[in-house]
Amino acid sequence: MLEDKLAVLIDADNVPYANIKEMLEEISKNGTPTIKRIYADWTKQTVSGWKDVLLKNAITPIQQYSYTTGKNSSDSALIIDAMDILYADKVNGFCIVSSDSDFTRLATRLREAGMKVIGFGEKKTPQPFIAACDKFIYLEILKAGSSINNNVTKSTTKQKEEPISKVDAEIITLITESVNDLADDNGWTSLANLGSFLLKKKADFDPRNYGFPKLLPLIENTKAFEIDARDTGLNNIRHIYIRQK
């Protein structure tokens, strides 16, 4: 099965550069980034931190001068490029990296054209942009394991990253309703199907938001579900099924 070809378009004014390596690794899990562009007025000091990482990660900088005050001109350049790429028919999906709601309509339009849209941004990203994406990943969850602080010595104990969200009644209800929506006659639901279904309901659903590397440990932690690991008879491969207690 061929991987999706992705266009990665980054709004340098609205995301930090510290986790660019982790972000590109995350994008690679979803497809092949064949186009990588970043938009900013590069004459500004506020985006100077990006310059050192562009060549290292083969990202093409796009210069966009700010002709007016109070409006991010990089937004328009990114949107125009996205539409040009869409009509060139060279990719299957887009990764839009920004914490700005100005790209909500763009994400919606790309999805209407049959494109897969993955958003990346900080926790402060407005909900309309998140909801407009097929999947949205918070940059904060990519910080785990990254060595940003150069002053940390090898002898320093590694501190556990704090989750950006808590497993509360709302998220348990979301999982419970989704399990019941997909359940067979005996109440069992495939874990694989559940993960995809949760993303359709909530684009920013990710177990890592709650401090868990995968969906199964999150579900086990709720203590609200039965879990059944069924052998397939193929190289110790098991399919996981869950149902509400």
C-alpha atoms as a PDB file:
ATOM      1  CA  MET A   1       0.000   0.000   0.000  1.00  0.00           C
ATOM      2  CA  LEU A   2       1.443   3.344  -1.048  1.00  0.00           C
ATOM      3  CA  GLU A   3       1.966   6.009   1.589  1.00  0.00           C
ATOM      4  CA  ASP A   4       0.172   9.321   1.327  1.00  0.00           C
ATOM      5  CA  LYS A   5       2.217  12.130  -0.173  1.00  0.00           C
ATOM      6  CA  LEU A   6       1.907  15.128   2.127  1.00  0.00           C
ATOM      7  CA  ALA A   7       2.433  18.863   1.687  1.00  0.00           C
ATOM      8  CA  VAL A   8       3.739  20.354   4.931  1.00  0.00           C
ATOM      9  CA  LEU A   9       2.934  24.072   5.222  1.00  0.00           C
ATOM     10  CA  ILE A  10       4.200  25.869   8.336  1.00  0.00           C
ATOM     11  CA  ASP A  11       3.082  29.242   9.674  1.00  0.00           C
ATOM     12  CA  ALA A  12       6.299  30.375  11.376  1.00  0.00           C
ATOM     13  CA  ASP A  13       4.583  33.290  13.115  1.00  0.00           C
ATOM     14  CA  ASN A  14       2.232  31.068  15.099  1.00  0.00           C
ATOM     15  CA  VAL A  15       4.211  27.984  16.146  1.00  0.00           C
ATOM     16  CA  PRO A  16       7.515  27.522  18.019  1.00  0.00           C
ATOM     17  CA  TYR A  17      10.552  26.033  16.301  1.00  0.00           C
ATOM     18  CA  ALA A  18      11.863  24.037  19.295  1.00  0.00           C
ATOM     19  CA  ASN A  19      10.238  20.738  18.332  1.00  0.00           C
ATOM     20  CA  ILE A  20      10.584  20.780  14.561  1.00  0.00           C
ATOM     21  CA  LYS A  21      12.479  17.448  14.536  1.00  0.00           C
ATOM     22  CA  GLU A  22       9.805  15.674  16.581  1.00  0.00           C
ATOM     23  CA  MET A  23       7.070  17.252  14.486  1.00  0.00           C
ATOM     24  CA  LEU A  24       8.551  16.006  11.197  1.00  0.00           C
ATOM     25  CA  GLU A  25       8.963  12.536  12.700  1.00  0.00           C
ATOM     26  CA  GLU A  26       5.279  12.603  13.670  1.00  0.00           C
ATOM     27  CA  ILE A  27       4.309  13.696  10.159  1.00  0.00           C
ATOM     28  CA  SER A  28       6.314  10.798   8.717  1.00  0.00           C
ATOM     29  CA  LYS A  29       4.071   8.380  10.636  1.00  0.00           C
ATOM     30  CA  ASN A  30       1.147   9.629   8.546  1.00  0.00           C
ATOM     31  CA  GLY A  31       2.813   9.702   5.131  1.00  0.00           C
ATOM     32  CA  THR A  32       5.749  11.039   3.120  1.00  0.00           C
ATOM     33  CA  PRO A  33       6.347  14.813   3.358  1.00  0.00           C
ATOM     34  CA  THR A  34       7.123  15.562  -0.302  1.00  0.00           C
ATOM     35  CA  ILE A  35       6.646  19.343  -0.056  1.00  0.00           C
ATOM     36  CA  LYS A  36       7.890  21.281   2.979  1.00  0.00           C
ATOM     37  CA  ARG A  37       7.463  25.064   3.078  1.00  0.00           C
ATOM     38  CA  ILE A  38       7.505  27.624   5.846  1.00  0.00           C
ATOM     39  CA  TYR A  39       6.026  31.131   5.647  1.00  0.00           C
ATOM     40  CA  ALA A  40       7.132  34.314   7.414  1.00  0.00           C
ATOM     41  CA  ASP A  41       8.550  37.783   7.010  1.00  0.00           C
ATOM     42  CA  TRP A  42      12.153  36.656   7.470  1.00  0.00           C
ATOM     43  CA  THR A  43      13.335  40.218   8.028  1.00  0.00           C
ATOM     44  CA  LYS A  44      11.707  40.107  11.480  1.00  0.00           C
ATOM     45  CA  GLN A  45      13.669  39.121  14.575  1.00  0.00           C
ATOM     46  CA  THR A  46      10.677  37.221  15.956  1.00  0.00           C
ATOM     47  CA  VAL A  47      11.239  34.340  13.516  1.00  0.00           C
ATOM     48  CA  SER A  48      15.042  34.309  13.609  1.00  0.00           C
ATOM     49  CA  GLY A  49      15.047  31.083  15.625  1.00  0.00           C
ATOM     50  CA  TRP A  50      13.654  29.171  12.659  1.00  0.00           C
ATOM     51  CA  LYS A  51      16.563  29.982  10.349  1.00  0.00           C
ATOM     52  CA  ASP A  52      19.002  27.505  11.907  1.00  0.00           C
ATOM     53  CA  VAL A  53      16.668  24.532  11.482  1.00  0.00           C
ATOM     54  CA  LEU A  54      15.454  25.107   7.923  1.00  0.00           C
ATOM     55  CA  LEU A  55      18.447  23.745   6.022  1.00  0.00           C
ATOM     56  CA  LYS A  56      18.918  20.907   8.479  1.00  0.00           C
ATOM     57  CA  ASN A  57      15.373  19.707   7.827  1.00  0.00           C
ATOM     58  CA  ALA A  58      15.137  20.622   4.116  1.00  0.00           C
ATOM     59  CA  ILE A  59      12.300  23.096   4.604  1.00  0.00           C
ATOM     60  CA  THR A  60      11.904  25.799   1.945  1.00  0.00           C
ATOM     61  CA  PRO A  61      11.439  29.310   3.422  1.00  0.00           C
ATOM     62  CA  ILE A  62       8.892  31.518   1.666  1.00  0.00           C
ATOM     63  CA  GLN A  63       9.399  35.247   2.137  1.00  0.00           C
ATOM     64  CA  GLN A  64       6.265  37.303   2.657  1.00  0.00           C
ATOM     65  CA  TYR A  65       6.691  40.963   3.550  1.00  0.00           C
ATOM     66  CA  SER A  66       4.235  42.531   5.973  1.00  0.00           C
ATOM     67  CA  TYR A  67       2.682  45.356   4.001  1.00  0.00           C
ATOM     68  CA  THR A  68       0.091  46.205   6.631  1.00  0.00           C
ATOM     69  CA  THR A  69       0.063  46.389  10.413  1.00  0.00           C
ATOM     70  CA  GLY A  70      -2.018  43.977  12.458  1.00  0.00           C
ATOM     71  CA  LYS A  71      -2.529  41.347   9.745  1.00  0.00           C
ATOM     72  CA  ASN A  72      -0.369  38.287   9.190  1.00  0.00           C
ATOM     73  CA  SER A  73       0.458  38.377   5.482  1.00  0.00           C
ATOM     74  CA  SER A  74       2.023  34.910   5.715  1.00  0.00           C
ATOM     75  CA  ASP A  75      -1.500  33.502   6.066  1.00  0.00           C
ATOM     76  CA  SER A  76      -2.434  34.614   2.556  1.00  0.00           C
ATOM     77  CA  ALA A  77       0.763  33.251   1.019  1.00  0.00           C
ATOM     78  CA  LEU A  78       0.246  29.866   2.686  1.00  0.00           C
ATOM     79  CA  ILE A  79      -3.383  29.663   1.560  1.00  0.00           C
ATOM     80  CA  ILE A  80      -2.528  30.578  -2.045  1.00  0.00           C
ATOM     81  CA  ASP A  81       0.260  27.981  -2.157  1.00  0.00           C
ATOM     82  CA  ALA A  82      -2.046  25.339  -0.665  1.00  0.00           C
ATOM     83  CA  MET A  83      -4.591  25.873  -3.425  1.00  0.00           C
ATOM     84  CA  ASP A  84      -1.878  25.799  -6.109  1.00  0.00           C
ATOM     85  CA  ILE A  85      -0.598  22.500  -4.702  1.00  0.00           C
ATOM     86  CA  LEU A  86      -4.134  21.124  -4.541  1.00  0.00           C
ATOM     87  CA  TYR A  87      -4.797  21.828  -8.220  1.00  0.00           C
ATOM     88  CA  ALA A  88      -1.364  20.510  -9.232  1.00  0.00           C
ATOM     89  CA  ASP A  89      -2.590  17.117  -7.979  1.00  0.00           C
ATOM     90  CA  LYS A  90       0.816  16.068  -6.604  1.00  0.00           C
ATOM     91  CA  VAL A  91      -0.169  15.179  -3.024  1.00  0.00           C
ATOM     92  CA  ASN A  92      -2.841  13.183  -1.182  1.00  0.00           C
ATOM     93  CA  GLY A  93      -2.907  15.275   1.959  1.00  0.00           C
ATOM     94  CA  PHE A  94      -1.797  18.392   3.790  1.00  0.00           C
ATOM     95  CA  CYS A  95      -0.184  19.105   7.154  1.00  0.00           C
ATOM     96  CA  ILE A  96      -0.991  22.634   8.258  1.00  0.00           C
ATOM     97  CA  VAL A  97       1.205  23.760  11.139  1.00  0.00           C
ATOM     98  CA  SER A  98      -0.279  26.750  12.933  1.00  0.00           C
ATOM     99  CA  SER A  99      -2.126  27.789  16.077  1.00  0.00           C
ATOM    100  CA  ASP A 100      -4.163  30.302  14.085  1.00  0.00           C
ATOM    101  CA  SER A 101      -7.892  29.941  13.346  1.00  0.00           C
ATOM    102  CA  ASP A 102      -7.402  31.782  10.014  1.00  0.00           C
ATOM    103  CA  PHE A 103      -6.771  28.398   8.371  1.00  0.00           C
ATOM    104  CA  THR A 104     -10.153  26.926   9.316  1.00  0.00           C
ATOM    105  CA  ARG A 105     -11.701  27.611   5.911  1.00  0.00           C
ATOM    106  CA  LEU A 106      -8.599  26.321   4.126  1.00  0.00           C
ATOM    107  CA  ALA A 107      -8.719  23.017   6.014  1.00  0.00           C
ATOM    108  CA  THR A 108     -12.425  22.688   5.243  1.00  0.00           C
ATOM    109  CA  ARG A 109     -11.881  23.414   1.538  1.00  0.00           C
ATOM    110  CA  LEU A 110      -9.045  20.886   1.252  1.00  0.00           C
ATOM    111  CA  ARG A 111     -11.169  18.180   2.861  1.00  0.00           C
ATOM    112  CA  GLU A 112     -14.039  19.006   0.493  1.00  0.00           C
ATOM    113  CA  ALA A 113     -11.588  18.269  -2.326  1.00  0.00           C
ATOM    114  CA  GLY A 114     -10.895  14.822  -0.852  1.00  0.00           C
ATOM    115  CA  MET A 115      -7.605  15.712   0.791  1.00  0.00           C
ATOM    116  CA  LYS A 116      -6.499  14.337   4.158  1.00  0.00           C
ATOM    117  CA  VAL A 117      -5.777  17.268   6.492  1.00  0.00           C
ATOM    118  CA  ILE A 118      -3.616  16.950   9.606  1.00  0.00           C
ATOM    119  CA  GLY A 119      -3.222  19.986  11.833  1.00  0.00           C
ATOM    120  CA  PHE A 120      -0.399  20.746  14.239  1.00  0.00           C
ATOM    121  CA  GLY A 121      -0.512  23.525  16.790  1.00  0.00           C
ATOM    122  CA  GLU A 122      -0.246  24.495  20.422  1.00  0.00           C
ATOM    123  CA  LYS A 123      -2.913  23.838  23.042  1.00  0.00           C
ATOM    124  CA  LYS A 124      -4.137  27.427  22.556  1.00  0.00           C
ATOM    125  CA  THR A 125      -5.290  26.646  18.983  1.00  0.00           C
ATOM    126  CA  PRO A 126      -8.946  27.713  18.497  1.00  0.00           C
ATOM    127  CA  GLN A 127     -11.461  24.859  18.320  1.00  0.00           C
ATOM    128  CA  PRO A 128     -12.836  25.736  14.839  1.00  0.00           C
ATOM    129  CA  PHE A 129      -9.467  25.017  13.189  1.00  0.00           C
ATOM    130  CA  ILE A 130      -9.060  21.786  15.179  1.00  0.00           C
ATOM    131  CA  ALA A 131     -12.514  20.593  14.167  1.00  0.00           C
ATOM    132  CA  ALA A 132     -11.843  21.397  10.505  1.00  0.00           C
ATOM    133  CA  CYS A 133      -8.969  18.879  10.378  1.00  0.00           C
ATOM    134  CA  ASP A 134      -9.175  15.099  10.030  1.00  0.00           C
ATOM    135  CA  LYS A 135      -6.648  14.875  12.835  1.00  0.00           C
ATOM    136  CA  PHE A 136      -5.043  17.484  15.074  1.00  0.00           C
ATOM    137  CA  ILE A 137      -1.871  16.966  17.105  1.00  0.00           C
ATOM    138  CA  TYR A 138      -0.781  19.276  19.902  1.00  0.00           C
ATOM    139  CA  LEU A 139       2.876  20.284  19.735  1.00  0.00           C
ATOM    140  CA  GLU A 140       3.145  20.037  23.518  1.00  0.00           C
ATOM    141  CA  ILE A 141       2.902  16.223  23.441  1.00  0.00           C
ATOM    142  CA  LEU A 142       5.932  16.049  21.144  1.00  0.00           C
ATOM    143  CA  LYS A 143       8.172  17.558  23.811  1.00  0.00           C
ATOM    144  CA  ALA A 144       8.496  14.315  25.771  1.00  0.00           C
ATOM    145  CA  GLY A 145      11.982  12.914  25.359  1.00  0.00           C
ATOM    146  CA  SER A 146      13.340  15.972  23.547  1.00  0.00           C
ATOM    147  CA  SER A 147      16.436  17.657  24.970  1.00  0.00           C
ATOM    148  CA  ILE A 148      15.505  21.316  24.608  1.00  0.00           C
ATOM    149  CA  ASN A 149      17.273  22.614  27.699  1.00  0.00           C
ATOM    150  CA  ASN A 150      21.029  22.508  27.071  1.00  0.00           C
ATOM    151  CA  ASN A 151      21.715  23.214  30.736  1.00  0.00           C
ATOM    152  CA  VAL A 152      20.376  19.825  31.852  1.00  0.00           C
ATOM    153  CA  THR A 153      23.279  17.518  32.799  1.00  0.00           C
ATOM    154  CA  LYS A 154      23.409  13.760  32.317  1.00  0.00           C
ATOM    155  CA  SER A 155      23.122  13.221  36.053  1.00  0.00           C
ATOM    156  CA  THR A 156      19.858  15.148  36.239  1.00  0.00           C
ATOM    157  CA  THR A 157      16.860  12.928  36.825  1.00  0.00           C
ATOM    158  CA  LYS A 158      14.492  12.997  33.872  1.00  0.00           C
ATOM    159  CA  GLN A 159      11.190  14.458  34.953  1.00  0.00           C
ATOM    160  CA  LYS A 160       7.945  13.002  33.690  1.00  0.00           C
ATOM    161  CA  GLU A 161       6.102  15.223  31.254  1.00  0.00           C
ATOM    162  CA  GLU A 162       2.790  16.497  32.587  1.00  0.00           C
ATOM    163  CA  PRO A 163      -0.189  15.536  30.385  1.00  0.00           C
ATOM    164  CA  ILE A 164      -1.913  18.469  28.713  1.00  0.00           C
ATOM    165  CA  SER A 165      -5.381  17.077  29.519  1.00  0.00           C
ATOM    166  CA  LYS A 166      -6.968  14.921  32.221  1.00  0.00           C
ATOM    167  CA  VAL A 167      -9.017  11.758  31.847  1.00  0.00           C
ATOM    168  CA  ASP A 168     -12.263  13.200  33.145  1.00  0.00           C
ATOM    169  CA  ALA A 169     -15.935  12.225  32.959  1.00  0.00           C
ATOM    170  CA  GLU A 170     -16.254  13.845  29.526  1.00  0.00           C
ATOM    171  CA  ILE A 171     -13.541  11.730  27.897  1.00  0.00           C
ATOM    172  CA  ILE A 172     -14.804   8.540  29.561  1.00  0.00           C
ATOM    173  CA  THR A 173     -18.289   9.317  28.232  1.00  0.00           C
ATOM    174  CA  LEU A 174     -16.859   9.865  24.736  1.00  0.00           C
ATOM    175  CA  ILE A 175     -15.109   6.481  24.816  1.00  0.00           C
ATOM    176  CA  THR A 176     -18.137   4.708  26.316  1.00  0.00           C
ATOM    177  CA  GLU A 177     -20.557   6.089  23.728  1.00  0.00           C
ATOM    178  CA  SER A 178     -18.128   5.224  20.933  1.00  0.00           C
ATOM    179  CA  VAL A 179     -17.703   1.652  22.207  1.00  0.00           C
ATOM    180  CA  ASN A 180     -21.472   1.215  22.319  1.00  0.00           C
ATOM    181  CA  ASP A 181     -21.909   2.748  18.852  1.00  0.00           C
ATOM    182  CA  LEU A 182     -19.554   0.146  17.359  1.00  0.00           C
ATOM    183  CA  ALA A 183     -20.460  -2.834  19.557  1.00  0.00           C
ATOM    184  CA  ASP A 184     -21.535  -6.190  18.153  1.00  0.00           C
ATOM    185  CA  ASP A 185     -24.478  -8.159  19.551  1.00  0.00           C
ATOM    186  CA  ASN A 186     -22.407  -9.158  22.583  1.00  0.00           C
ATOM    187  CA  GLY A 187     -21.200  -5.627  23.266  1.00  0.00           C
ATOM    188  CA  TRP A 188     -17.617  -6.120  22.037  1.00  0.00           C
ATOM    189  CA  THR A 189     -15.784  -3.500  19.966  1.00  0.00           C
ATOM    190  CA  SER A 190     -12.473  -3.796  18.126  1.00  0.00           C
ATOM    191  CA  LEU A 191      -9.839  -1.509  19.623  1.00  0.00           C
ATOM    192  CA  ALA A 192      -8.498  -0.684  16.143  1.00  0.00           C
ATOM    193  CA  ASN A 193     -11.920   0.409  14.925  1.00  0.00           C
ATOM    194  CA  LEU A 194     -12.490   2.380  18.099  1.00  0.00           C
ATOM    195  CA  GLY A 195      -9.333   4.454  17.621  1.00  0.00           C
ATOM    196  CA  SER A 196     -10.384   5.537  14.130  1.00  0.00           C
ATOM    197  CA  PHE A 197     -13.938   6.254  15.269  1.00  0.00           C
ATOM    198  CA  LEU A 198     -12.787   8.460  18.156  1.00  0.00           C
ATOM    199  CA  LEU A 199     -10.769  10.591  15.723  1.00  0.00           C
ATOM    200  CA  LYS A 200     -13.854  11.094  13.565  1.00  0.00           C
ATOM    201  CA  LYS A 201     -15.743  12.365  16.598  1.00  0.00           C
ATOM    202  CA  LYS A 202     -12.898  14.409  18.085  1.00  0.00           C
ATOM    203  CA  ALA A 203     -10.081  15.446  15.742  1.00  0.00           C
ATOM    204  CA  ASP A 204      -7.649  16.199  18.579  1.00  0.00           C
ATOM    205  CA  PHE A 205      -8.183  12.891  20.394  1.00  0.00           C
ATOM    206  CA  ASP A 206      -4.795  11.386  21.174  1.00  0.00           C
ATOM    207  CA  PRO A 207      -3.935   9.134  24.161  1.00  0.00           C
ATOM    208  CA  ARG A 208      -0.701  11.102  24.555  1.00  0.00           C
ATOM    209  CA  ASN A 209      -2.743  14.170  25.515  1.00  0.00           C
ATOM    210  CA  TYR A 210      -3.667  12.282  28.683  1.00  0.00           C
ATOM    211  CA  GLY A 211      -0.206  10.888  29.431  1.00  0.00           C
ATOM    212  CA  PHE A 212      -0.610   7.470  27.751  1.00  0.00           C
ATOM    213  CA  PRO A 213       1.460   6.253  24.775  1.00  0.00           C
ATOM    214  CA  LYS A 214      -1.408   4.219  23.271  1.00  0.00           C
ATOM    215  CA  LEU A 215      -5.186   3.875  23.489  1.00  0.00           C
ATOM    216  CA  LEU A 216      -5.204   0.558  25.368  1.00  0.00           C
ATOM    217  CA  PRO A 217      -3.359   1.816  28.501  1.00  0.00           C
ATOM    218  CA  LEU A 218      -5.741   4.797  28.626  1.00  0.00           C
ATOM    219  CA  ILE A 219      -8.765   2.490  28.486  1.00  0.00           C
ATOM    220  CA  GLU A 220      -7.280   0.171  31.128  1.00  0.00           C
ATOM    221  CA  ASN A 221      -6.721   3.167  33.403  1.00  0.00           C
ATOM    222  CA  THR A 222     -10.412   4.113  33.322  1.00  0.00           C
ATOM    223  CA  LYS A 223     -11.361   0.693  34.828  1.00  0.00           C
ATOM    224  CA  ALA A 224     -14.693   1.067  33.023  1.00  0.00           C
ATOM    225  CA  PHE A 225     -14.207  -1.609  30.367  1.00  0.00           C
ATOM    226  CA  GLU A 226     -13.622  -5.334  29.963  1.00  0.00           C
ATOM    227  CA  ILE A 227     -10.694  -6.247  27.723  1.00  0.00           C
ATOM    228  CA  ASP A 228     -10.367  -9.412  25.644  1.00  0.00           C
ATOM    229  CA  ALA A 229      -7.163 -10.239  23.730  1.00  0.00           C
ATOM    230  CA  ARG A 230      -8.026 -12.788  21.039  1.00  0.00           C
ATOM    231  CA  ASP A 231      -5.357 -14.916  19.358  1.00  0.00           C
ATOM    232  CA  THR A 232      -5.323 -14.893  15.561  1.00  0.00           C
ATOM    233  CA  GLY A 233      -3.019 -17.893  15.234  1.00  0.00           C
ATOM    234  CA  LEU A 234      -0.512 -15.804  13.277  1.00  0.00           C
ATOM    235  CA  ASN A 235       2.888 -15.122  14.872  1.00  0.00           C
ATOM    236  CA  ASN A 236       1.428 -14.358  18.306  1.00  0.00           C
ATOM    237  CA  ILE A 237      -0.671 -11.554  16.848  1.00  0.00           C
ATOM    238  CA  ARG A 238      -3.680 -10.740  18.985  1.00  0.00           C
ATOM    239  CA  HIS A 239      -6.692  -8.564  18.282  1.00  0.00           C
ATOM    240  CA  ILE A 240      -7.933  -6.499  21.214  1.00  0.00           C
ATOM    241  CA  TYR A 241     -11.650  -6.117  21.907  1.00  0.00           C
ATOM    242  CA  ILE A 242     -13.312  -4.095  24.638  1.00  0.00           C
ATOM    243  CA  ARG A 243     -16.797  -3.622  26.047  1.00  0.00           C
ATOM    244  CA  GLN A 244     -18.401  -1.600  28.781  1.00  0.00           C
ATOM    245  CA  LYS A 245     -18.545  -3.246  32.217  1.00  0.00           C
END
